Amino acid sequence: MSPSSVLPHQHDSASSADASQMPASAAFESVAQVFKQLSDPCRCRIFLLLCHSEECVINIAALMDMSSPAVAHHLRLLKVSGLVLTRREGKEVFYRAADTELAEALHHMIERVMHLSCACAKPVANRR
């Protein structure tokens, strides 16, 4: 819809939608991709675990009660999306949540939705 388009229903409301303020559909692709990564419950659990600790695939698999190949698959997707970082120590690879604003925001969003509270959580104003 172009900024000069007229909406099909004209209401007297001063809060009518303003198409000029809405980003183009393509701009939402990165947002959709991030949420797609966390749409899988296993990936969401793994991501939340890695927000609190750094672990290897074997330990993550044991904690999640999953096979190592299944965990490796989820970790690869989280790493490609930029939500997880790796560190190699000899032959062992350790995973942790990325130190980014996006990863931190998703961490806190998961905790708020699930009504969890972690030691690293910052107080949120107007929490209901």
Protein backbone atom coordinates (compact mmCIF):
# COMPACT_ATOMS: atom_id res chain seq x y z
CA MET A 1 0.00 0.00 0.00
CA SER A 2 1.52 3.32 -0.97
CA PRO A 3 1.59 6.17 1.55
CA SER A 4 -0.99 8.08 -0.45
CA SER A 5 -3.41 5.13 -0.60
CA VAL A 6 -6.85 5.56 0.82
CA LEU A 7 -7.97 2.84 3.18
CA PRO A 8 -11.18 0.99 2.25
CA HIS A 9 -12.92 2.00 5.50
CA GLN A 10 -12.69 5.60 6.59
CA HIS A 11 -13.10 5.93 10.36
CA ASP A 12 -13.12 9.06 12.43
CA SER A 13 -10.37 7.63 14.60
CA ALA A 14 -7.19 9.66 14.78
CA SER A 15 -5.27 6.42 15.22
CA SER A 16 -5.81 5.06 11.72
CA ALA A 17 -3.02 2.95 10.29
CA ASP A 18 -0.35 4.90 8.46
CA ALA A 19 1.13 2.83 5.63
CA SER A 20 4.10 5.18 5.37
CA GLN A 21 5.22 4.07 8.86
CA MET A 22 5.06 0.35 8.08
CA PRO A 23 8.32 -1.24 6.86
CA ALA A 24 8.17 -3.27 3.65
CA SER A 25 7.45 -7.00 3.91
CA ALA A 26 11.05 -7.87 3.03
CA ALA A 27 12.25 -6.00 6.12
CA PHE A 28 10.53 -8.59 8.33
CA GLU A 29 12.49 -11.52 6.88
CA SER A 30 15.25 -11.40 9.50
CA VAL A 31 12.70 -11.23 12.32
CA ALA A 32 10.80 -14.21 10.91
CA GLN A 33 14.03 -16.21 10.58
CA VAL A 34 14.95 -15.64 14.23
CA PHE A 35 11.52 -16.69 15.44
CA LYS A 36 11.62 -19.70 13.13
CA GLN A 37 14.78 -20.86 14.93
CA LEU A 38 13.03 -20.77 18.28
CA SER A 39 9.75 -22.24 17.02
CA ASP A 40 11.07 -25.75 17.70
CA PRO A 41 10.71 -26.68 21.40
CA CYS A 42 14.00 -28.62 21.43
CA ARG A 43 15.94 -25.68 19.96
CA CYS A 44 14.26 -23.33 22.41
CA ARG A 45 15.29 -25.54 25.36
CA ILE A 46 18.84 -25.85 24.07
CA PHE A 47 19.09 -22.09 23.55
CA LEU A 48 17.80 -21.40 27.08
CA LEU A 49 20.30 -23.89 28.53
CA LEU A 50 23.13 -22.18 26.64
CA CYS A 51 22.03 -18.79 27.96
CA HIS A 52 23.01 -20.09 31.40
CA SER A 53 25.99 -22.31 30.73
CA GLU A 54 28.60 -23.34 28.21
CA GLU A 55 28.34 -27.03 27.29
CA CYS A 56 29.57 -29.62 24.83
CA VAL A 57 27.26 -31.65 22.58
CA ILE A 58 27.52 -34.77 24.77
CA ASN A 59 26.43 -32.90 27.91
CA ILE A 60 23.66 -31.05 26.10
CA ALA A 61 22.38 -34.36 24.70
CA ALA A 62 22.35 -35.87 28.20
CA LEU A 63 20.58 -32.84 29.72
CA MET A 64 17.99 -32.76 26.93
CA ASP A 65 17.57 -36.56 26.80
CA MET A 66 18.33 -36.46 23.06
CA SER A 67 20.86 -38.10 20.78
CA SER A 68 24.11 -36.28 20.04
CA PRO A 69 23.33 -36.06 16.28
CA ALA A 70 19.93 -34.49 17.00
CA VAL A 71 21.53 -31.94 19.34
CA ALA A 72 24.27 -31.22 16.78
CA HIS A 73 21.59 -30.52 14.17
CA HIS A 74 19.84 -27.99 16.42
CA LEU A 75 23.15 -26.38 17.42
CA ARG A 76 24.13 -25.95 13.79
CA LEU A 77 20.88 -24.11 13.06
CA LEU A 78 21.27 -21.90 16.14
CA LYS A 79 24.87 -21.12 15.19
CA VAL A 80 23.96 -20.23 11.59
CA SER A 81 21.30 -17.86 12.92
CA GLY A 82 23.89 -16.13 15.12
CA LEU A 83 22.24 -17.08 18.41
CA VAL A 84 25.00 -19.49 19.52
CA LEU A 85 28.79 -19.23 19.57
CA THR A 86 31.41 -21.98 19.77
CA ARG A 87 34.76 -22.37 21.44
CA ARG A 88 37.17 -25.20 20.69
CA GLU A 89 39.37 -26.71 23.38
CA GLY A 90 41.44 -29.51 21.87
CA LYS A 91 39.00 -31.89 20.20
CA GLU A 92 36.03 -30.66 22.26
CA VAL A 93 33.69 -27.91 21.03
CA PHE A 94 31.77 -25.89 23.60
CA TYR A 95 28.59 -23.95 22.86
CA ARG A 96 27.10 -20.90 24.54
CA ALA A 97 24.54 -18.24 23.73
CA ALA A 98 25.91 -15.34 21.70
CA ASP A 99 26.77 -12.13 23.54
CA THR A 100 24.42 -10.06 21.42
CA GLU A 101 21.49 -7.81 22.12
CA LEU A 102 19.27 -10.14 20.09
CA ALA A 103 20.27 -13.27 22.04
CA GLU A 104 19.79 -11.46 25.34
CA ALA A 105 16.37 -10.16 24.30
CA LEU A 106 15.25 -13.65 23.21
CA HIS A 107 16.57 -15.12 26.46
CA HIS A 108 14.50 -12.68 28.51
CA MET A 109 11.46 -13.13 26.26
CA ILE A 110 11.52 -16.91 26.78
CA GLU A 111 11.79 -16.46 30.53
CA ARG A 112 8.94 -13.97 30.62
CA VAL A 113 6.66 -16.13 28.49
CA MET A 114 7.41 -19.18 30.64
CA HIS A 115 7.31 -17.18 33.90
CA LEU A 116 10.86 -18.20 34.74
CA SER A 117 13.42 -16.16 36.58
CA CYS A 118 17.15 -16.60 36.35
CA ALA A 119 19.91 -15.12 38.45
CA CYS A 120 21.09 -12.98 35.54
CA ALA A 121 17.64 -11.48 34.87
CA LYS A 122 17.42 -7.72 35.16
CA PRO A 123 14.30 -6.24 36.76
CA VAL A 124 11.70 -5.22 34.21
CA ALA A 125 9.71 -2.05 34.84
CA ASN A 126 5.94 -2.44 35.15
CA ARG A 127 6.10 -6.24 35.41
CA ARG A 128 2.60 -7.60 35.93
